């Protein structure tokens, strides 16, 4: 599935992604580790394209 999926490792709140570039953002068992969930959610929803899934 390498031609369909891109995995990026990095900070949950400072990813080098352009706005609205992701169709899906997956975050499993990580939200409670973040200093501020608000920053994480803002970054996740910034990356989602319209109609994307979180």
Protein backbone atom coordinates (compact mmCIF):
# COMPACT_ATOMS: atom_id res chain seq x y z
CA UNK A 1 0.00 0.00 0.00
CA UNK A 2 3.05 2.28 -0.16
CA UNK A 3 1.59 4.02 -3.22
CA UNK A 4 -1.56 4.91 -1.26
CA UNK A 5 -0.29 5.71 2.24
CA UNK A 6 2.35 8.17 3.43
CA UNK A 7 3.59 7.85 6.99
CA UNK A 8 5.21 10.91 8.53
CA UNK A 9 6.99 10.90 11.87
CA UNK A 10 7.16 14.13 13.81
CA UNK A 11 5.56 16.38 16.37
CA UNK A 12 1.79 16.13 16.72
CA UNK A 13 1.51 19.91 16.89
CA UNK A 14 4.21 21.01 14.44
CA UNK A 15 4.02 18.79 11.38
CA UNK A 16 5.50 20.07 8.13
CA UNK A 17 2.26 19.61 6.19
CA UNK A 18 0.34 22.12 4.12
CA UNK A 19 -3.22 23.03 5.09
CA UNK A 20 -5.98 20.69 3.88
CA UNK A 21 -3.55 18.03 2.63
CA UNK A 22 -4.94 14.98 4.47
CA UNK A 23 -8.06 12.96 3.88
CA UNK A 24 -7.68 11.11 7.19
CA UNK A 25 -5.91 11.92 10.45
CA UNK A 26 -5.49 8.97 12.81
CA UNK A 27 -4.49 9.43 16.44
CA UNK A 28 -4.72 6.28 18.55
CA UNK A 29 -3.85 6.26 22.25
CA UNK A 30 -1.92 9.53 22.10
CA UNK A 31 -4.17 12.45 23.04
CA UNK A 32 -3.64 12.12 26.76
CA UNK A 33 0.16 12.39 26.32
CA UNK A 34 0.00 15.84 24.76
CA UNK A 35 0.66 18.93 26.83
CA UNK A 36 -2.27 20.69 25.24
CA UNK A 37 -4.87 18.77 23.30
CA UNK A 38 -6.13 22.06 21.89
CA UNK A 39 -2.88 22.58 19.93
CA UNK A 40 -2.98 19.00 18.66
CA UNK A 41 -6.61 19.22 17.54
CA UNK A 42 -5.99 22.57 15.83
CA UNK A 43 -3.05 21.07 13.92
CA UNK A 44 -5.03 17.95 13.00
CA UNK A 45 -8.06 19.85 11.72
CA UNK A 46 -5.82 22.33 9.86
CA UNK A 47 -4.33 19.40 7.94
CA UNK A 48 -7.71 17.83 7.09
CA UNK A 49 -9.22 18.63 3.73
CA UNK A 50 -12.93 19.47 3.61
CA UNK A 51 -14.89 16.29 4.26
CA UNK A 52 -11.81 14.60 5.76
CA UNK A 53 -12.05 12.20 8.67
CA UNK A 54 -10.47 12.38 12.09
